[in-house]
């Protein structure tokens, strides 16, 4: 833009009116910033225009919009107040310019901005009344001596921009407050709705990540022993977040927050020695961290973490919002646990009642043959049945009353059988192998009782007169069936399968409770019993 003469002044006024008209139509901050740099580049006939805004700390200028610098630098490139020509303009509260900017003593290269092509620079502060907001600068590729008129026009644009930015920041602040209130209302609705704990935590971390404009929000909860923190939920917007192993109490930033009950802010987790897993965070693109305790009545039950993808100083409002979310979440966790515990008590009562009825039914079946049955044998048989049911309940309690790992239960009950049923002069081994099989409690109890009856039958009859022997239990799947094989290397099946209450019980359980089939097969050395069950029992309640 040439020096202002009476003939060119109307052009400058028209340009300013154009910018003022455009700014009056803008509301949100990002739209306003983009409009200012585009219109300024157009009316000033320059190759680049950039706006730096002050961070909440009042010391850092952050690149927020540009037409000529590298786009990747937006939000990342920073200058301290007084640093570089742009920072110096803010400190002095007056314009600064240079035809050959790189020779100016105040010049500083801005990382990632790709400024090497530019020679001349003019920067003006953005000030509203006496409050600094940031700076506006323009650059040219060809060397250019900025005239007094050009400096005046850019200063006027800066004044217009400052007012528009203040309006946009106020608008964004009000919109953010509304969003925060809506987020709190959503969290309140989520934490008071009837749902499982993990589902509720996932919903909270997802809303928190969106509300806090975070890369990742995660929740760690104390384990039952109170010695470790376990990752229970992590929701991300832009960054990956891999599973974390349990964290010992007091270790790392998260562990310290759990011990002290005090929030901790880390500007850059990749550089802070307190943070464990800096390499992992670096690979995931995580930078700043706000970590706050989840507390109920001065008792810390976990930690709520908020990560950003770029360096950020959380404002007092953001910290207050996140702490409020944490407090609500902690109360919700406690409520869900109380409800869950009550439900578990009811479910436990229901299952124990049903299983006691099963034991009573099995004993009742033995009554017609009581006169010819050996009392000791009857008692031992029923003890093993009760142990089988007890092993299922033990597995349920360890997994949180959800599903039973059948192979693990079978290993437990077969160990007990070897200890109690194998004679002192025999060497009988029982091996359980195959796939992991998770079943609901009812199906798991029935299948465990079936295998219990078959193994007891093998130990009683297959190894008579044998000094050693082996029983193999195999668990597997096909696309349509679950297949369980019980194989022994004993004396084999007789020509006619004798009547046995235990085998009758096993066949009834397979047919009626498990909707499957059981078949006896003669082997060259021993017997095999195959149990084939439909895969549908894996999902049955």
Protein backbone atom coordinates (compact mmCIF):
# COMPACT_ATOMS: atom_id res chain seq x y z
CA UNK A 1 0.00 0.00 0.00
CA UNK A 2 1.59 3.33 -1.04
CA UNK A 3 1.84 6.37 1.23
CA UNK A 4 -1.50 7.94 2.02
CA UNK A 5 -2.26 10.93 -0.19
CA UNK A 6 -5.63 12.65 -0.58
CA UNK A 7 -6.26 10.41 -3.63
CA UNK A 8 -5.45 7.14 -1.87
CA UNK A 9 -7.03 7.86 1.50
CA UNK A 10 -10.55 6.92 0.25
CA UNK A 11 -9.13 3.48 -0.72
CA UNK A 12 -7.83 2.97 2.82
CA UNK A 13 -11.13 4.09 4.32
CA UNK A 14 -13.02 1.75 1.99
CA UNK A 15 -10.76 -1.13 3.06
CA UNK A 16 -11.33 -0.35 6.73
CA UNK A 17 -15.10 -0.15 6.18
CA UNK A 18 -14.93 -3.53 4.44
CA UNK A 19 -13.11 -5.08 7.38
CA UNK A 20 -15.45 -3.45 9.92
CA UNK A 21 -18.51 -4.69 8.02
CA UNK A 22 -17.13 -8.22 7.85
CA UNK A 23 -16.15 -8.25 11.53
CA UNK A 24 -19.60 -7.12 12.61
CA UNK A 25 -21.04 -10.29 11.08
CA UNK A 26 -18.61 -12.62 12.84
CA UNK A 27 -19.41 -14.11 16.23
CA UNK A 28 -17.26 -17.05 17.26
CA UNK A 29 -13.51 -16.60 17.81
CA UNK A 30 -12.19 -18.93 15.10
CA UNK A 31 -14.34 -17.37 12.40
CA UNK A 32 -13.32 -13.88 13.52
CA UNK A 33 -9.61 -14.72 13.53
CA UNK A 34 -9.76 -16.27 10.07
CA UNK A 35 -11.69 -13.32 8.68
CA UNK A 36 -9.22 -10.75 10.11
CA UNK A 37 -6.12 -12.37 8.59
CA UNK A 38 -7.76 -12.90 5.19
CA UNK A 39 -9.15 -9.37 4.91
CA UNK A 40 -5.93 -7.79 6.21
CA UNK A 41 -3.87 -9.71 3.65
CA UNK A 42 -6.25 -8.54 0.95
CA UNK A 43 -6.43 -4.84 1.80
CA UNK A 44 -2.75 -4.47 2.80
CA UNK A 45 -1.49 -6.34 -0.30
CA UNK A 46 0.94 -8.43 1.78
CA UNK A 47 2.04 -12.06 1.50
CA UNK A 48 1.29 -13.10 5.06
CA UNK A 49 -0.83 -12.00 7.98
CA UNK A 50 -0.72 -13.66 11.41
CA UNK A 51 -2.50 -13.20 14.73
CA UNK A 52 -0.94 -14.20 18.04
CA UNK A 53 -3.19 -14.22 21.12
CA UNK A 54 -2.12 -14.19 24.75
CA UNK A 55 -2.54 -17.45 26.66
CA UNK A 56 -4.31 -17.28 30.04
CA UNK A 57 -0.90 -17.01 31.72
CA UNK A 58 -0.49 -13.54 30.21
CA UNK A 59 3.10 -14.35 29.19
CA UNK A 60 2.80 -16.57 26.12
CA UNK A 61 1.70 -15.47 22.65
CA UNK A 62 0.27 -18.35 20.60
CA UNK A 63 -0.24 -18.33 16.83
CA UNK A 64 -3.98 -18.64 16.27
CA UNK A 65 -4.53 -17.70 12.63
CA UNK A 66 -2.44 -17.01 9.51
CA UNK A 67 -2.64 -16.71 5.73
CA UNK A 68 1.01 -17.16 4.81
CA UNK A 69 2.72 -19.24 7.50
CA UNK A 70 2.62 -23.04 7.75
CA UNK A 71 -0.81 -24.26 8.85
CA UNK A 72 0.73 -26.87 11.15
CA UNK A 73 2.12 -24.04 13.30
CA UNK A 74 -1.35 -22.78 14.27
CA UNK A 75 -1.97 -23.51 17.93
CA UNK A 76 1.58 -24.78 18.40
CA UNK A 77 3.98 -21.92 17.57
CA UNK A 78 4.54 -19.55 20.51
CA UNK A 79 6.50 -16.45 21.49
CA UNK A 80 6.96 -15.02 24.94
CA UNK A 81 5.92 -11.41 25.48
CA UNK A 82 8.96 -9.35 24.49
CA UNK A 83 10.34 -12.17 22.32
CA UNK A 84 10.74 -11.58 18.60
CA UNK A 85 9.49 -8.46 16.87
CA UNK A 86 5.88 -9.47 17.46
CA UNK A 87 6.43 -10.08 21.17
CA UNK A 88 8.39 -6.83 21.42
CA UNK A 89 5.44 -4.91 19.90
CA UNK A 90 3.21 -6.29 22.66
CA UNK A 91 5.68 -5.41 25.42
CA UNK A 92 6.25 -1.88 24.13
CA UNK A 93 2.57 -1.46 23.18
CA UNK A 94 3.55 0.15 19.89
CA UNK A 95 4.13 -0.91 16.27
CA UNK A 96 7.50 -2.29 15.19
CA UNK A 97 8.67 -2.85 11.62
CA UNK A 98 11.76 -3.60 9.53
CA UNK A 99 12.45 -3.85 5.82
CA UNK A 100 15.01 -6.59 6.46
CA UNK A 101 13.42 -8.22 9.51
CA UNK A 102 16.03 -10.93 9.92
CA UNK A 103 18.61 -8.24 10.63
CA UNK A 104 16.53 -6.66 13.37
CA UNK A 105 17.95 -7.33 16.88
CA UNK A 106 14.49 -8.35 18.11
CA UNK A 107 13.77 -10.83 15.30
CA UNK A 108 13.26 -14.50 16.19
CA UNK A 109 12.42 -17.43 13.97
CA UNK A 110 9.11 -19.03 14.92
CA UNK A 111 9.44 -22.80 14.93
CA UNK A 112 7.36 -24.72 12.34
CA UNK A 113 6.10 -21.47 10.75
CA UNK A 114 8.32 -21.65 7.61
CA UNK A 115 9.19 -17.93 7.60
CA UNK A 116 12.40 -18.16 5.55
CA UNK A 117 10.77 -16.77 2.38
CA UNK A 118 9.77 -13.47 4.05
CA UNK A 119 11.95 -10.37 4.36
CA UNK A 120 9.87 -7.47 5.71
CA UNK A 121 7.67 -7.49 8.83
CA UNK A 122 5.28 -5.06 10.52
CA UNK A 123 3.71 -5.95 13.89
CA UNK A 124 1.15 -4.03 15.93
CA UNK A 125 -0.25 -4.86 19.39
CA UNK A 126 -3.89 -5.82 19.88
CA UNK A 127 -5.14 -3.84 22.87
CA UNK A 128 -8.64 -3.31 24.25
CA UNK A 129 -8.58 -0.17 26.39
CA UNK A 130 -5.45 -0.99 28.43
CA UNK A 131 -5.71 -4.78 28.29
CA UNK A 132 -3.32 -6.52 25.84
CA UNK A 133 -4.93 -9.32 23.82
CA UNK A 134 -2.10 -10.25 21.47
CA UNK A 135 -0.50 -9.00 18.27
CA UNK A 136 -1.14 -8.73 14.54
CA UNK A 137 1.69 -8.87 12.03
CA UNK A 138 2.07 -8.76 8.26
CA UNK A 139 5.05 -9.91 6.17
CA UNK A 140 6.18 -9.56 2.56
CA UNK A 141 8.41 -11.76 0.46
CA UNK A 142 10.01 -8.88 -1.41
CA UNK A 143 11.78 -6.30 0.78
CA UNK A 144 9.32 -3.50 1.55
CA UNK A 145 9.66 -0.25 3.47
CA UNK A 146 6.42 0.19 5.40
CA UNK A 147 5.17 3.78 5.24
CA UNK A 148 3.67 5.74 8.09
CA UNK A 149 0.29 5.46 6.38
CA UNK A 150 0.55 1.66 6.20
CA UNK A 151 1.51 1.51 9.86
CA UNK A 152 -1.49 3.69 10.70
CA UNK A 153 -3.86 1.50 8.63
CA UNK A 154 -2.61 -1.73 10.26
CA UNK A 155 -2.91 -0.05 13.69
CA UNK A 156 -6.51 0.88 12.89
CA UNK A 157 -7.18 -2.67 11.72
CA UNK A 158 -5.64 -3.83 15.00
CA UNK A 159 -8.03 -1.60 16.96
CA UNK A 160 -11.01 -2.97 15.01
CA UNK A 161 -9.72 -6.50 15.45
CA UNK A 162 -9.24 -6.08 19.21
CA UNK A 163 -12.87 -5.08 19.65
CA UNK A 164 -14.06 -7.92 17.43
CA UNK A 165 -11.85 -10.42 19.26
CA UNK A 166 -13.12 -9.28 22.64
CA UNK A 167 -16.68 -9.77 21.40
CA UNK A 168 -15.81 -13.18 19.96
CA UNK A 169 -14.03 -14.26 23.16
CA UNK A 170 -17.05 -13.21 25.20
CA UNK A 171 -19.31 -15.12 22.82
CA UNK A 172 -17.09 -18.22 23.03
CA UNK A 173 -16.94 -17.92 26.81
CA UNK A 174 -20.72 -17.78 27.07
CA UNK A 175 -21.11 -20.66 24.64
CA UNK A 176 -18.51 -22.68 26.57
CA UNK A 177 -20.35 -22.00 29.83
CA UNK A 178 -23.56 -23.24 28.23
CA UNK A 179 -21.74 -26.32 26.89
CA UNK A 180 -20.26 -26.94 30.34
CA UNK A 181 -23.65 -26.67 31.99
CA UNK A 182 -25.08 -29.04 29.39
CA UNK A 183 -22.15 -31.41 29.95
CA UNK A 184 -22.73 -31.32 33.71
CA UNK A 185 -26.40 -32.01 33.11
CA UNK A 186 -25.49 -34.92 30.82
CA UNK A 187 -23.06 -36.31 33.37
CA UNK A 188 -25.70 -35.94 36.08
CA UNK A 189 -28.16 -37.83 33.91
CA UNK A 190 -25.56 -40.48 33.10
CA UNK A 191 -24.43 -41.06 36.66
CA UNK A 192 -27.97 -41.30 38.01
CA UNK A 193 -29.28 -43.65 35.31
CA UNK A 194 -29.39 -47.38 36.01
CA UNK A 195 -26.42 -48.88 34.17
CA UNK A 196 -23.28 -50.87 34.79
CA UNK A 197 -20.24 -49.12 36.23
CA UNK A 198 -17.98 -49.53 33.19
CA UNK A 199 -20.69 -48.26 30.84
CA UNK A 200 -21.19 -45.21 33.03
CA UNK A 201 -17.44 -44.53 33.21
CA UNK A 202 -17.11 -44.77 29.42
CA UNK A 203 -19.91 -42.27 29.00
CA UNK A 204 -18.33 -39.85 31.50
CA UNK A 205 -14.84 -39.98 29.96
CA UNK A 206 -16.27 -39.51 26.48
CA UNK A 207 -18.26 -36.41 27.50
CA UNK A 208 -15.33 -35.05 29.52
CA UNK A 209 -12.95 -35.38 26.55
CA UNK A 210 -15.41 -33.52 24.35
CA UNK A 211 -16.17 -30.80 26.91
CA UNK A 212 -12.53 -30.22 27.88
CA UNK A 213 -11.43 -30.34 24.20
CA UNK A 214 -8.93 -32.99 25.32
CA UNK A 215 -7.06 -35.66 23.41
CA UNK A 216 -7.84 -38.28 26.08
CA UNK A 217 -9.72 -38.45 29.37
CA UNK A 218 -9.16 -41.54 31.52
CA UNK A 219 -10.30 -42.91 34.87
CA UNK A 220 -8.22 -45.08 37.20
CA UNK A 221 -9.88 -46.77 40.18
CA UNK A 222 -8.29 -48.30 43.28
CA UNK A 223 -8.34 -52.09 43.33
CA UNK A 224 -9.98 -54.04 46.15
CA UNK A 225 -6.70 -54.28 48.07
CA UNK A 226 -6.13 -50.53 47.83
CA UNK A 227 -2.56 -51.00 46.58
CA UNK A 228 -2.90 -50.38 42.83
CA UNK A 229 -4.79 -48.16 40.43
CA UNK A 230 -6.45 -49.92 37.50
CA UNK A 231 -7.41 -48.23 34.24
CA UNK A 232 -11.19 -48.61 33.94
CA UNK A 233 -12.06 -46.21 31.12
CA UNK A 234 -10.32 -44.08 28.49
CA UNK A 235 -11.98 -42.08 25.74
CA UNK A 236 -10.05 -40.19 23.08
CA UNK A 237 -10.80 -37.59 20.42
CA UNK A 238 -7.64 -37.44 18.32
CA UNK A 239 -4.92 -39.43 20.09
CA UNK A 240 -4.50 -43.19 20.52
CA UNK A 241 -4.41 -44.45 24.10
CA UNK A 242 -3.15 -47.95 24.73
CA UNK A 243 -4.10 -50.03 27.80
CA UNK A 244 -2.00 -49.25 30.88
CA UNK A 245 -0.92 -51.88 33.42
CA UNK A 246 -2.00 -51.48 37.06
CA UNK A 247 -0.15 -48.57 38.67
CA UNK A 248 1.15 -48.95 42.24
CA UNK A 249 -0.29 -46.43 44.67
CA UNK A 250 2.04 -43.44 44.98
CA UNK A 251 3.87 -44.11 41.72
CA UNK A 252 3.86 -41.52 38.95
CA UNK A 253 1.63 -38.46 38.77
CA UNK A 254 -1.59 -40.50 38.92
CA UNK A 255 -0.34 -42.48 41.91
CA UNK A 256 0.68 -39.30 43.75
CA UNK A 257 -2.74 -37.73 43.20
CA UNK A 258 -4.37 -40.86 44.67
CA UNK A 259 -2.13 -40.66 47.78
CA UNK A 260 -2.30 -36.90 48.40
CA UNK A 261 -5.85 -36.24 47.21
CA UNK A 262 -4.54 -33.06 45.54
CA UNK A 263 -4.79 -32.19 41.80
CA UNK A 264 -1.54 -32.08 39.82
CA UNK A 265 -0.92 -30.19 36.57
CA UNK A 266 1.94 -31.20 34.26
CA UNK A 267 2.81 -28.86 31.40
CA UNK A 268 4.55 -31.57 29.34
CA UNK A 269 4.40 -35.22 30.46
CA UNK A 270 7.22 -36.16 28.07
CA UNK A 271 9.62 -33.91 29.99
CA UNK A 272 8.42 -34.21 33.60
CA UNK A 273 10.36 -36.73 35.69
CA UNK A 274 7.34 -37.46 37.90
CA UNK A 275 5.41 -38.91 34.98
CA UNK A 276 5.86 -42.62 34.27
CA UNK A 277 5.56 -43.67 30.65
CA UNK A 278 6.94 -40.61 28.88
CA UNK A 279 7.90 -42.62 25.79
CA UNK A 280 4.41 -44.06 25.51
CA UNK A 281 2.86 -40.60 25.88
CA UNK A 282 5.24 -39.22 23.24
CA UNK A 283 4.24 -41.92 20.77
CA UNK A 284 0.56 -41.17 21.44
CA UNK A 285 1.00 -37.41 21.06
CA UNK A 286 0.02 -36.53 24.64
CA UNK A 287 1.48 -33.35 26.16
CA UNK A 288 -0.24 -31.54 29.05
CA UNK A 289 -2.00 -33.35 31.88
CA UNK A 290 -4.51 -32.31 34.51
CA UNK A 291 -4.94 -35.09 37.09
CA UNK A 292 -7.55 -34.79 39.86
CA UNK A 293 -8.67 -37.21 42.59
CA UNK A 294 -12.01 -39.01 42.65
CA UNK A 295 -12.98 -38.56 46.30
CA UNK A 296 -15.96 -39.55 48.44
CA UNK A 297 -16.09 -38.18 51.97
CA UNK A 298 -12.33 -37.42 52.01
CA UNK A 299 -11.59 -40.95 50.78
CA UNK A 300 -9.85 -41.21 47.41
CA UNK A 301 -11.29 -44.02 45.27
CA UNK A 302 -9.52 -43.20 42.01
CA UNK A 303 -8.07 -40.56 39.69
CA UNK A 304 -9.52 -38.63 36.72
CA UNK A 305 -6.98 -37.61 34.03
CA UNK A 306 -7.28 -35.10 31.19
CA UNK A 307 -4.58 -35.07 28.47
CA UNK A 308 -4.15 -32.54 25.65
CA UNK A 309 -2.42 -33.03 22.29
CA UNK A 310 -0.56 -29.72 22.57
CA UNK A 311 0.88 -27.76 25.47
CA UNK A 312 -1.93 -26.07 27.40
CA UNK A 313 -2.29 -24.06 30.59
CA UNK A 314 -5.71 -24.99 31.97
CA UNK A 315 -7.69 -21.93 33.05
CA UNK A 316 -9.19 -21.70 36.52
CA UNK A 317 -12.63 -22.22 34.94
CA UNK A 318 -11.48 -25.39 33.16
CA UNK A 319 -9.92 -26.74 36.35
CA UNK A 320 -13.08 -26.01 38.31
CA UNK A 321 -15.20 -27.75 35.67
CA UNK A 322 -13.00 -30.85 35.63
CA UNK A 323 -12.95 -31.08 39.42
CA UNK A 324 -16.76 -30.77 39.42
CA UNK A 325 -16.99 -33.60 36.89
CA UNK A 326 -14.65 -35.67 39.07
CA UNK A 327 -16.73 -35.06 42.20
CA UNK A 328 -19.95 -36.05 40.44
CA UNK A 329 -18.31 -39.12 38.98
CA UNK A 330 -16.93 -40.22 42.35
CA UNK A 331 -20.39 -40.03 43.93
CA UNK A 332 -21.84 -41.93 40.99
CA UNK A 333 -19.21 -44.68 41.32
CA UNK A 334 -20.05 -45.06 44.99
CA UNK A 335 -23.79 -45.22 44.21
CA UNK A 336 -23.29 -47.79 41.45
CA UNK A 337 -21.18 -49.92 43.78
CA UNK A 338 -23.86 -49.80 46.49
CA UNK A 339 -26.54 -50.78 43.99
CA UNK A 340 -24.31 -53.47 42.49
CA UNK A 341 -23.48 -54.92 45.90
CA UNK A 342 -27.16 -55.10 46.75
CA UNK A 343 -27.85 -56.80 43.42
CA UNK A 344 -24.98 -59.25 44.01
CA UNK A 345 -26.40 -60.15 47.42
CA UNK A 346 -29.79 -60.86 45.82
CA UNK A 347 -28.20 -62.82 42.97
CA UNK A 348 -25.99 -64.79 45.37
CA UNK A 349 -29.02 -65.68 47.46
CA UNK A 350 -30.88 -66.80 44.34
CA UNK A 351 -28.00 -68.96 43.07
CA UNK A 352 -27.19 -70.54 46.42
CA UNK A 353 -30.89 -71.35 46.92
CA UNK A 354 -31.08 -73.00 43.48
CA UNK A 355 -27.89 -74.98 44.01
CA UNK A 356 -28.95 -76.15 47.45
CA UNK A 357 -32.15 -77.38 45.81
CA UNK A 358 -30.01 -79.21 43.23
CA UNK A 359 -28.02 -80.93 46.00
CA UNK A 360 -31.25 -81.84 47.79
CA UNK A 361 -32.67 -83.27 44.54
CA UNK A 362 -29.54 -85.38 43.96
CA UNK A 363 -29.74 -86.76 47.50
CA UNK A 364 -33.45 -87.44 47.05
CA UNK A 365 -32.70 -89.52 43.96
CA UNK A 366 -30.53 -91.77 46.12
CA UNK A 367 -33.25 -92.46 48.69
CA UNK A 368 -34.90 -95.40 46.78
CA UNK A 369 -31.53 -97.18 46.72
CA UNK A 370 -30.53 -96.19 50.25
CA UNK A 371 -30.68 -99.73 51.65
CA UNK A 372 -28.09 -101.12 49.28
CA UNK A 373 -25.85 -98.03 49.11
CA UNK A 374 -22.71 -97.65 51.18
CA UNK A 375 -23.18 -94.68 53.52
CA UNK A 376 -19.57 -93.56 53.27
CA UNK A 377 -19.70 -93.69 49.46
CA UNK A 378 -22.91 -91.65 49.38
CA UNK A 379 -21.46 -88.98 51.64
CA UNK A 380 -18.21 -88.75 49.66
CA UNK A 381 -20.12 -88.54 46.35
CA UNK A 382 -22.30 -85.70 47.59
CA UNK A 383 -19.30 -83.90 49.09
CA UNK A 384 -17.68 -83.87 45.64
CA UNK A 385 -20.88 -82.53 44.09
CA UNK A 386 -21.02 -79.74 46.64
CA UNK A 387 -17.34 -78.97 46.03
CA UNK A 388 -18.10 -78.68 42.31
CA UNK A 389 -20.85 -76.15 42.94
CA UNK A 390 -18.67 -74.29 45.45
CA UNK A 391 -15.86 -74.05 42.87
CA UNK A 392 -18.28 -72.37 40.45
CA UNK A 393 -19.27 -69.82 43.10
CA UNK A 394 -15.64 -69.16 43.94
CA UNK A 395 -14.88 -68.48 40.27
CA UNK A 396 -17.92 -66.20 40.05
CA UNK A 397 -16.81 -64.14 43.03
CA UNK A 398 -13.36 -63.67 41.51
CA UNK A 399 -14.79 -62.47 38.18
CA UNK A 400 -17.40 -60.16 39.68
CA UNK A 401 -20.43 -62.47 39.31
CA UNK A 402 -20.49 -62.34 35.52
CA UNK A 403 -19.11 -65.43 33.74
CA UNK A 404 -17.34 -68.59 34.86
CA UNK A 405 -14.10 -69.83 33.32
CA UNK A 406 -15.00 -73.53 33.12
CA UNK A 407 -11.52 -74.92 32.54
CA UNK A 408 -10.28 -73.20 35.70
CA UNK A 409 -13.17 -74.66 37.75
CA UNK A 410 -12.51 -78.15 36.37
CA UNK A 411 -8.86 -77.89 37.39
CA UNK A 412 -9.90 -76.99 40.93
CA UNK A 413 -12.38 -79.84 41.41
CA UNK A 414 -10.15 -82.49 39.82
CA UNK A 415 -7.32 -81.58 42.21
CA UNK A 416 -9.68 -82.18 45.12
CA UNK A 417 -10.80 -85.51 43.65
CA UNK A 418 -7.24 -86.78 43.28
CA UNK A 419 -6.51 -85.90 46.89
CA UNK A 420 -9.62 -87.63 48.26
CA UNK A 421 -10.38 -90.55 45.91
CA UNK A 422 -7.04 -91.92 44.69
CA UNK A 423 -5.66 -94.70 46.88
CA UNK A 424 -2.25 -94.41 48.57
CA UNK A 425 -0.77 -97.11 46.31
CA UNK A 426 -2.09 -95.64 43.04
CA UNK A 427 -0.65 -92.97 40.76
CA UNK A 428 -3.61 -91.48 38.93
CA UNK A 429 -3.21 -88.09 37.19
CA UNK A 430 -5.99 -85.86 35.87
CA UNK A 431 -5.12 -83.33 33.18
CA UNK A 432 -7.44 -80.50 32.05
CA UNK A 433 -6.53 -78.86 28.76
CA UNK A 434 -8.03 -77.00 25.82
CA UNK A 435 -9.61 -73.63 25.14
CA UNK A 436 -10.78 -71.02 27.61
CA UNK A 437 -14.53 -71.40 27.99
CA UNK A 438 -16.62 -68.69 29.65
CA UNK A 439 -20.19 -69.69 30.54
CA UNK A 440 -23.02 -68.14 32.57
CA UNK A 441 -23.29 -69.60 36.06
CA UNK A 442 -26.23 -71.95 35.43
CA UNK A 443 -24.62 -73.63 32.41
CA UNK A 444 -21.22 -73.69 34.13
CA UNK A 445 -22.69 -75.39 37.22
CA UNK A 446 -24.45 -78.03 35.15
CA UNK A 447 -21.38 -78.78 33.01
CA UNK A 448 -19.13 -78.92 36.08
CA UNK A 449 -21.46 -81.41 37.78
CA UNK A 450 -21.50 -83.57 34.63
CA UNK A 451 -17.70 -83.73 34.45
CA UNK A 452 -17.57 -84.33 38.20
CA UNK A 453 -19.84 -87.40 37.82
CA UNK A 454 -17.81 -88.75 34.89
CA UNK A 455 -14.45 -88.34 36.64
CA UNK A 456 -15.79 -89.89 39.85
CA UNK A 457 -17.09 -92.81 37.80
CA UNK A 458 -13.68 -93.24 36.13
CA UNK A 459 -11.79 -93.13 39.44
CA UNK A 460 -14.16 -95.70 40.98
CA UNK A 461 -14.33 -98.21 38.10
CA UNK A 462 -11.71 -97.60 35.38
CA UNK A 463 -8.58 -98.24 37.43
CA UNK A 464 -9.50 -101.28 39.54
CA UNK A 465 -6.38 -103.36 39.89
CA UNK A 466 -4.24 -100.68 38.21
CA UNK A 467 -1.25 -99.06 39.90
CA UNK A 468 -1.28 -96.05 37.62
CA UNK A 469 -3.60 -94.31 35.24
CA UNK A 470 -4.59 -91.08 33.58
CA UNK A 471 -7.76 -89.06 32.96
CA UNK A 472 -7.71 -86.33 30.29
CA UNK A 473 -10.38 -83.64 30.13
CA UNK A 474 -10.38 -81.59 26.92
CA UNK A 475 -12.42 -78.43 26.23
CA UNK A 476 -12.85 -77.18 22.66
CA UNK A 477 -15.17 -75.42 20.21
CA UNK A 478 -16.41 -75.80 16.68
CA UNK A 479 -18.44 -73.06 14.94
CA UNK A 480 -21.70 -74.64 16.16
CA UNK A 481 -20.74 -76.69 19.24
CA UNK A 482 -18.82 -76.80 22.49
CA UNK A 483 -17.08 -80.15 22.79
CA UNK A 484 -15.88 -81.58 26.13
CA UNK A 485 -14.08 -84.95 26.15
CA UNK A 486 -13.40 -87.03 29.26
CA UNK A 487 -10.97 -89.82 28.39
CA UNK A 488 -9.29 -92.44 30.62
CA UNK A 489 -6.75 -95.19 29.91
CA UNK A 490 -8.32 -97.67 32.30
CA UNK A 491 -9.89 -101.12 31.86
CA UNK A 492 -12.53 -99.93 29.41
CA UNK A 493 -16.30 -100.20 29.20
CA UNK A 494 -18.06 -103.49 29.92
CA UNK A 495 -20.23 -105.03 27.19
CA UNK A 496 -23.31 -103.67 28.90
CA UNK A 497 -23.19 -100.24 30.49
CA UNK A 498 -24.25 -100.75 34.15
CA UNK A 499 -26.92 -98.63 35.77
CA UNK A 500 -25.37 -95.79 37.75
CA UNK A 501 -27.13 -92.93 39.47
CA UNK A 502 -24.14 -90.67 38.74
CA UNK A 503 -24.23 -91.40 35.01
CA UNK A 504 -28.00 -90.97 35.00
CA UNK A 505 -27.57 -87.55 36.63
CA UNK A 506 -24.90 -86.60 34.06
CA UNK A 507 -27.09 -87.64 31.11
CA UNK A 508 -30.11 -85.76 32.52
CA UNK A 509 -28.09 -82.56 33.05
CA UNK A 510 -26.63 -82.71 29.52
CA UNK A 511 -29.99 -83.38 27.89
CA UNK A 512 -32.31 -81.10 29.89
CA UNK A 513 -30.14 -78.29 31.35
CA UNK A 514 -27.52 -77.99 28.61
CA UNK A 515 -29.62 -79.11 25.60
CA UNK A 516 -26.74 -81.26 24.40
CA UNK A 517 -25.74 -84.88 23.79
CA UNK A 518 -23.47 -87.30 25.64
CA UNK A 519 -21.94 -90.41 24.08
CA UNK A 520 -19.74 -93.25 25.44
CA UNK A 521 -16.98 -94.51 23.15
CA UNK A 522 -14.77 -97.62 23.62
CA UNK A 523 -11.07 -97.03 23.06
CA UNK A 524 -8.32 -99.62 22.51
CA UNK A 525 -7.15 -98.77 26.03
CA UNK A 526 -9.84 -97.09 28.09
CA UNK A 527 -13.03 -95.09 27.62
CA UNK A 528 -13.99 -91.74 26.13
CA UNK A 529 -17.14 -89.77 26.92
CA UNK A 530 -17.95 -86.95 24.49
CA UNK A 531 -20.23 -84.10 25.49
CA UNK A 532 -21.51 -81.89 22.65
CA UNK A 533 -23.34 -78.69 23.59
CA UNK A 534 -24.85 -75.90 21.42
CA UNK A 535 -22.86 -72.64 21.37
CA UNK A 536 -26.07 -70.85 22.37
CA UNK A 537 -25.46 -71.74 26.04
CA UNK A 538 -22.54 -69.25 26.07
CA UNK A 539 -25.05 -66.41 25.92
CA UNK A 540 -27.88 -67.97 27.91
CA UNK A 541 -28.72 -66.31 31.23
